[in-house]
Amino acid sequence: MRRRRQHMPLWQELPLLLIVAFCLAVLIRTFLLQAFFIPSGSMQDTLLIGDRVLVNKVVYDVRDPHRGEVVVFRGTDRWAPEPGTTATPTGFAGKLGQTIGDLVGVSRPNEKDFIKRVIGLPGDHVACCDGQGRVTVNGYPLNEPYVVRDSPLDVPPSSNGECGPRRFAEVVVPPGHLWVMGDHRAISQDSRCQGPVPIRNVIGRAFVIVWPSNHWDTLPLPGDTFDGVPAAPASGSAPVAPQVVPQGSERAAPANPGGSAPPKGGGGIVVILPVLLALPFAARSGLRSPRRGRRL
């Protein structure tokens, strides 16, 4: 005769379910997704102060960043904290509190977390401006629909490393780094004054605004803004002469651009489940490449 299975009392089952749910949330937050709070206006009007974005932390374990993507990263020592951030907690209780706050989406960002848009990849020549006041990448002028609040053109280039002026001299992005800029160019403190960002410092790609509900939206690539950017010139070559592309004109992508173009979608998680399950093991067993050993 089969014995009936005894059910666990609710007072025992409920704490167990809460512990399992918390452990799953920690795993997801550590390896897959994390919510980030926007503390400043440097990405207006794409992101507003108080928005919360969801960041895909696994996408750059399977590919490199692309121009036009919005990324969250750890700033280097040169990067000054943005308004609205808090100091990184040092004690166990502080770190635990921040982790719990991250899981429920109420914690403030720490002073070394930044969110900007990728403009230049390693080896790219980035400068501003062309005859129409546009940023150029490898001599190709960008029509940037996401830049609603730009710096004035009549302000001369800064001589003391300030980010305010629109004009800046041509910069060659170092190997293993990204050139990032905020969408609100007049106030954004970005690579123009704080330097490029190591790719290993990138936490992930922001792909959707999840809060507040009336501002919910995806963060796709910005149309064809970067489709016509040619491959980066060879090291040591002469500066790239800006191409003449009329504002708002239709542009065809080159036959052999500098890197394969990603889809125009929101860039959500498109990874096969076995790969996701294997990532935590790979991260602990040292199977990831040296470039991927970023600090989280």
Protein backbone atom coordinates (compact mmCIF):
# COMPACT_ATOMS: atom_id res chain seq x y z
CA MET A 1 0.00 0.00 0.00
CA ARG A 2 1.45 3.37 -1.04
CA ARG A 3 2.01 5.87 1.74
CA ARG A 4 0.56 9.32 1.22
CA ARG A 5 3.18 12.02 0.86
CA GLN A 6 3.18 14.42 3.77
CA HIS A 7 2.91 18.08 2.88
CA MET A 8 5.16 20.59 4.56
CA PRO A 9 3.34 22.99 6.86
CA LEU A 10 2.85 26.48 5.49
CA TRP A 11 4.96 28.05 8.24
CA GLN A 12 7.91 25.93 7.01
CA GLU A 13 7.21 26.10 3.29
CA LEU A 14 6.85 29.88 3.06
CA PRO A 15 10.34 30.76 4.43
CA LEU A 16 11.87 28.11 2.17
CA LEU A 17 10.16 29.58 -0.91
CA LEU A 18 11.35 33.06 0.06
CA ILE A 19 14.93 31.85 0.40
CA VAL A 20 14.82 30.09 -2.99
CA ALA A 21 13.31 33.18 -4.64
CA PHE A 22 15.98 35.42 -3.09
CA CYS A 23 18.80 33.12 -4.26
CA LEU A 24 17.38 33.07 -7.80
CA ALA A 25 17.11 36.86 -7.78
CA VAL A 26 20.76 37.18 -6.68
CA LEU A 27 21.88 34.83 -9.44
CA ILE A 28 19.90 36.72 -12.08
CA ARG A 29 21.20 40.06 -10.82
CA THR A 30 24.80 38.80 -10.77
CA PHE A 31 24.95 37.10 -14.14
CA LEU A 32 22.01 38.13 -16.34
CA LEU A 33 20.02 41.31 -15.61
CA GLN A 34 20.25 44.31 -13.31
CA ALA A 35 18.13 47.41 -12.85
CA PHE A 36 19.86 50.81 -12.74
CA PHE A 37 18.52 54.17 -11.56
CA ILE A 38 19.24 57.28 -13.68
CA PRO A 39 20.52 60.00 -11.27
CA SER A 40 21.34 62.86 -13.68
CA GLY A 41 20.21 64.51 -16.91
CA SER A 42 23.27 63.61 -18.99
CA MET A 43 21.22 61.27 -21.23
CA GLN A 44 18.18 63.53 -21.78
CA ASP A 45 15.87 63.24 -23.57
CA THR A 46 16.47 59.53 -24.11
CA LEU A 47 16.58 58.92 -20.34
CA LEU A 48 15.15 61.21 -17.69
CA ILE A 49 16.17 61.67 -14.07
CA GLY A 50 14.45 58.96 -12.02
CA ASP A 51 14.10 56.46 -14.86
CA ARG A 52 15.05 52.87 -14.18
CA VAL A 53 16.59 50.83 -16.97
CA LEU A 54 17.14 47.12 -17.29
CA VAL A 55 20.69 46.13 -18.24
CA ASN A 56 21.63 42.95 -20.10
CA LYS A 57 24.85 41.79 -18.39
CA VAL A 58 25.46 38.76 -20.59
CA VAL A 59 25.31 40.25 -24.09
CA TYR A 60 28.95 41.38 -24.15
CA ASP A 61 30.11 37.94 -23.07
CA VAL A 62 29.06 36.70 -26.52
CA ARG A 63 29.89 39.75 -28.65
CA ASP A 64 31.55 43.17 -28.56
CA PRO A 65 29.72 46.49 -28.07
CA HIS A 66 28.40 48.31 -31.14
CA ARG A 67 28.27 52.01 -31.92
CA GLY A 68 25.01 53.61 -30.85
CA GLU A 69 24.28 51.26 -27.94
CA VAL A 70 23.55 52.67 -24.48
CA VAL A 71 25.86 51.01 -21.96
CA VAL A 72 26.41 51.02 -18.20
CA PHE A 73 30.03 50.89 -17.07
CA ARG A 74 32.39 51.47 -14.19
CA GLY A 75 34.27 54.71 -14.64
CA THR A 76 38.04 54.85 -14.29
CA ASP A 77 39.78 56.96 -11.65
CA ARG A 78 39.51 59.96 -14.02
CA TRP A 79 35.71 59.86 -14.00
CA ALA A 80 34.16 62.21 -11.44
CA PRO A 81 30.93 61.06 -9.73
CA GLU A 82 27.68 62.36 -11.20
CA PRO A 83 25.09 64.21 -9.10
CA GLY A 84 22.64 61.91 -7.31
CA THR A 85 25.07 59.02 -6.80
CA THR A 86 26.21 57.60 -3.47
CA ALA A 87 29.55 56.36 -2.22
CA THR A 88 30.23 52.65 -2.68
CA PRO A 89 29.50 50.84 0.62
CA THR A 90 32.48 49.16 2.23
CA GLY A 91 31.09 47.09 5.10
CA PHE A 92 29.20 43.81 4.82
CA ALA A 93 25.94 45.34 6.04
CA GLY A 94 26.22 48.19 3.51
CA LYS A 95 26.92 45.87 0.60
CA LEU A 96 24.09 43.56 1.65
CA GLY A 97 21.69 46.50 1.88
CA GLN A 98 22.70 47.75 -1.57
CA THR A 99 22.28 44.26 -3.06
CA ILE A 100 18.78 43.94 -1.60
CA GLY A 101 17.95 47.44 -2.83
CA ASP A 102 19.18 46.52 -6.33
CA LEU A 103 16.96 43.45 -6.36
CA VAL A 104 13.82 45.45 -5.63
CA GLY A 105 14.92 48.45 -7.72
CA VAL A 106 15.10 51.13 -5.01
CA SER A 107 18.85 51.55 -4.47
CA ARG A 108 20.79 54.59 -5.65
CA PRO A 109 23.65 54.08 -8.14
CA ASN A 110 27.14 54.18 -6.69
CA GLU A 111 29.60 56.90 -7.59
CA LYS A 112 31.46 54.84 -10.21
CA ASP A 113 28.48 53.61 -12.27
CA PHE A 114 27.78 55.62 -15.44
CA ILE A 115 25.46 55.32 -18.43
CA LYS A 116 26.39 56.76 -21.84
CA ARG A 117 26.09 56.01 -25.55
CA VAL A 118 28.89 54.29 -27.50
CA ILE A 119 30.16 56.60 -30.24
CA GLY A 120 33.59 55.17 -31.11
CA LEU A 121 35.10 51.67 -31.06
CA PRO A 122 38.79 50.76 -30.67
CA GLY A 123 40.84 52.41 -33.41
CA ASP A 124 38.10 54.86 -34.47
CA HIS A 125 38.97 58.51 -35.18
CA VAL A 126 36.37 60.67 -33.39
CA ALA A 127 36.19 64.46 -33.76
CA CYS A 128 33.84 67.44 -33.79
CA CYS A 129 32.82 69.15 -35.82
CA ASP A 130 32.18 69.07 -39.56
CA GLY A 131 30.81 72.07 -41.46
CA GLN A 132 27.32 71.42 -40.07
CA GLY A 133 28.42 70.98 -36.46
CA ARG A 134 28.23 67.19 -36.41
CA VAL A 135 30.46 64.63 -34.68
CA THR A 136 32.48 62.57 -37.16
CA VAL A 137 33.69 58.98 -36.80
CA ASN A 138 36.45 57.98 -39.22
CA GLY A 139 35.58 61.10 -41.20
CA TYR A 140 31.90 60.21 -41.45
CA PRO A 141 29.48 62.81 -40.01
CA LEU A 142 26.74 61.49 -37.74
CA ASN A 143 23.12 62.62 -37.93
CA GLU A 144 22.16 61.99 -34.29
CA PRO A 145 18.38 62.14 -33.72
CA TYR A 146 18.83 61.35 -30.02
CA VAL A 147 20.79 64.58 -29.37
CA VAL A 148 18.05 67.09 -28.57
CA ARG A 149 20.14 69.32 -26.28
CA ASP A 150 23.51 69.99 -27.93
CA SER A 151 26.27 72.38 -26.92
CA PRO A 152 26.45 75.73 -28.74
CA LEU A 153 28.77 75.91 -31.73
CA ASP A 154 30.12 79.36 -30.92
CA VAL A 155 31.94 78.16 -27.78
CA PRO A 156 35.63 77.53 -28.59
CA PRO A 157 37.25 74.15 -27.82
CA SER A 158 38.18 73.78 -24.18
CA SER A 159 41.81 74.15 -23.18
CA ASN A 160 41.41 72.71 -19.68
CA GLY A 161 39.55 69.46 -20.37
CA GLU A 162 35.98 70.67 -19.86
CA CYS A 163 33.15 68.79 -21.55
CA GLY A 164 30.85 71.75 -22.26
CA PRO A 165 32.08 72.91 -25.70
CA ARG A 166 30.82 70.99 -28.72
CA ARG A 167 34.11 71.20 -30.60
CA PHE A 168 37.00 68.90 -29.75
CA ALA A 169 40.11 67.79 -31.61
CA GLU A 170 40.32 64.41 -33.30
CA VAL A 171 40.89 61.52 -30.89
CA VAL A 172 41.98 57.99 -31.76
CA VAL A 173 40.22 55.50 -29.48
CA PRO A 174 42.87 53.25 -27.85
CA PRO A 175 42.75 49.45 -28.27
CA GLY A 176 40.37 47.79 -25.83
CA HIS A 177 38.49 51.05 -25.14
CA LEU A 178 35.24 52.81 -26.10
CA TRP A 179 34.51 56.48 -26.75
CA VAL A 180 31.22 57.29 -25.01
CA MET A 181 29.12 60.45 -24.90
CA GLY A 182 25.88 61.51 -23.24
CA ASP A 183 22.87 62.51 -25.31
CA HIS A 184 22.60 65.85 -23.44
CA ARG A 185 25.90 67.18 -24.77
CA ALA A 186 25.69 70.52 -22.98
CA ILE A 187 25.96 68.99 -19.49
CA SER A 188 27.27 65.44 -20.00
CA GLN A 189 30.64 64.67 -18.45
CA ASP A 190 31.89 61.97 -20.81
CA SER A 191 34.88 60.84 -22.86
CA ARG A 192 35.45 64.36 -24.14
CA CYS A 193 36.88 65.37 -20.77
CA GLN A 194 37.19 62.13 -18.77
CA GLY A 195 38.75 59.86 -21.34
CA PRO A 196 37.77 56.59 -23.05
CA VAL A 197 36.36 53.64 -21.12
CA PRO A 198 38.01 50.19 -20.99
CA ILE A 199 35.70 47.58 -22.50
CA ARG A 200 36.41 45.34 -19.51
CA ASN A 201 34.66 47.97 -17.34
CA VAL A 202 31.38 47.68 -19.24
CA ILE A 203 28.70 46.11 -17.05
CA GLY A 204 26.15 45.61 -19.82
CA ARG A 205 23.78 47.13 -22.34
CA ALA A 206 20.71 49.09 -21.26
CA PHE A 207 17.90 47.84 -23.49
CA VAL A 208 14.59 48.89 -21.91
CA ILE A 209 13.18 51.57 -19.59
CA VAL A 210 11.09 49.73 -17.00
CA TRP A 211 10.02 52.58 -14.71
CA PRO A 212 8.07 54.84 -14.50
CA SER A 213 5.30 53.12 -16.40
CA ASN A 214 4.43 56.20 -18.46
CA HIS A 215 8.00 56.31 -19.82
CA TRP A 216 8.33 52.62 -20.61
CA ASP A 217 10.24 52.14 -23.86
CA THR A 218 12.97 50.10 -25.51
CA LEU A 219 16.45 51.48 -26.26
CA PRO A 220 17.17 50.29 -29.82
CA LEU A 221 20.00 51.35 -32.10
CA PRO A 222 19.39 54.88 -33.48
CA GLY A 223 18.21 54.17 -37.02
CA ASP A 224 20.93 54.43 -39.66
CA THR A 225 23.11 56.90 -37.74
CA PHE A 226 26.15 54.64 -37.71
CA ASP A 227 25.46 52.49 -40.81
CA GLY A 228 27.76 54.49 -43.07
CA VAL A 229 30.76 54.67 -40.74
CA PRO A 230 33.77 53.16 -42.58
CA ALA A 231 36.34 50.91 -41.00
CA ALA A 232 38.90 52.58 -38.77
CA PRO A 233 42.02 53.68 -40.68
CA ALA A 234 45.26 51.83 -40.17
CA SER A 235 47.39 52.85 -37.22
CA GLY A 236 49.72 55.73 -38.02
CA SER A 237 47.76 56.89 -41.06
CA ALA A 238 46.96 60.53 -41.73
CA PRO A 239 43.89 62.12 -40.09
CA VAL A 240 40.62 61.29 -41.79
CA ALA A 241 39.07 64.07 -43.87
CA PRO A 242 35.37 64.55 -43.06
CA GLN A 243 32.96 63.30 -45.70
CA VAL A 244 30.27 65.65 -46.98
CA VAL A 245 26.89 64.12 -46.15
CA PRO A 246 23.87 66.47 -46.20
CA GLN A 247 21.86 66.70 -42.99
CA GLY A 248 19.02 64.17 -42.98
CA SER A 249 20.00 62.62 -46.32
CA GLU A 250 19.60 58.93 -47.07
CA ARG A 251 22.84 57.02 -46.65
CA ALA A 252 23.80 53.59 -47.87
CA ALA A 253 25.89 51.34 -45.65
CA PRO A 254 29.37 50.58 -47.04
CA ALA A 255 30.01 47.18 -48.52
CA ASN A 256 32.61 46.41 -45.86
CA PRO A 257 31.91 48.49 -42.71
CA GLY A 258 34.08 48.48 -39.59
CA GLY A 259 32.37 45.57 -37.88
CA SER A 260 29.17 43.66 -38.54
CA ALA A 261 26.05 45.70 -37.91
CA PRO A 262 23.67 44.36 -35.25
CA PRO A 263 19.91 44.15 -35.70
CA LYS A 264 17.91 47.34 -35.26
CA GLY A 265 15.75 45.86 -32.49
CA GLY A 266 15.78 46.69 -28.81
CA GLY A 267 18.69 44.35 -28.14
CA GLY A 268 16.96 42.18 -25.55
CA ILE A 269 18.30 38.83 -24.48
CA VAL A 270 18.64 36.58 -27.51
CA VAL A 271 20.76 33.79 -26.06
CA ILE A 272 20.10 30.06 -26.09
CA LEU A 273 19.21 28.74 -22.63
CA PRO A 274 22.13 26.27 -22.37
CA VAL A 275 24.54 29.16 -22.93
CA LEU A 276 22.92 31.13 -20.11
CA LEU A 277 23.11 28.16 -17.78
CA ALA A 278 26.76 27.60 -18.59
CA LEU A 279 27.88 31.20 -17.99
CA PRO A 280 28.05 31.10 -14.18
CA PHE A 281 30.21 27.95 -14.38
CA ALA A 282 32.43 29.52 -17.04
CA ALA A 283 32.90 32.67 -14.98
CA ARG A 284 34.03 30.69 -11.96
CA SER A 285 36.18 28.19 -13.82
CA GLY A 286 38.23 30.83 -15.65
CA LEU A 287 37.00 29.91 -19.13
CA ARG A 288 36.24 33.50 -20.06
CA SER A 289 38.77 35.45 -22.05
CA PRO A 290 40.98 37.97 -20.18
CA ARG A 291 39.08 40.93 -21.67
CA ARG A 292 35.85 39.65 -20.11
CA GLY A 293 37.13 39.71 -16.55
CA ARG A 294 35.39 42.95 -15.82
CA ARG A 295 34.74 44.18 -12.31
CA LEU A 296 31.06 44.12 -11.28
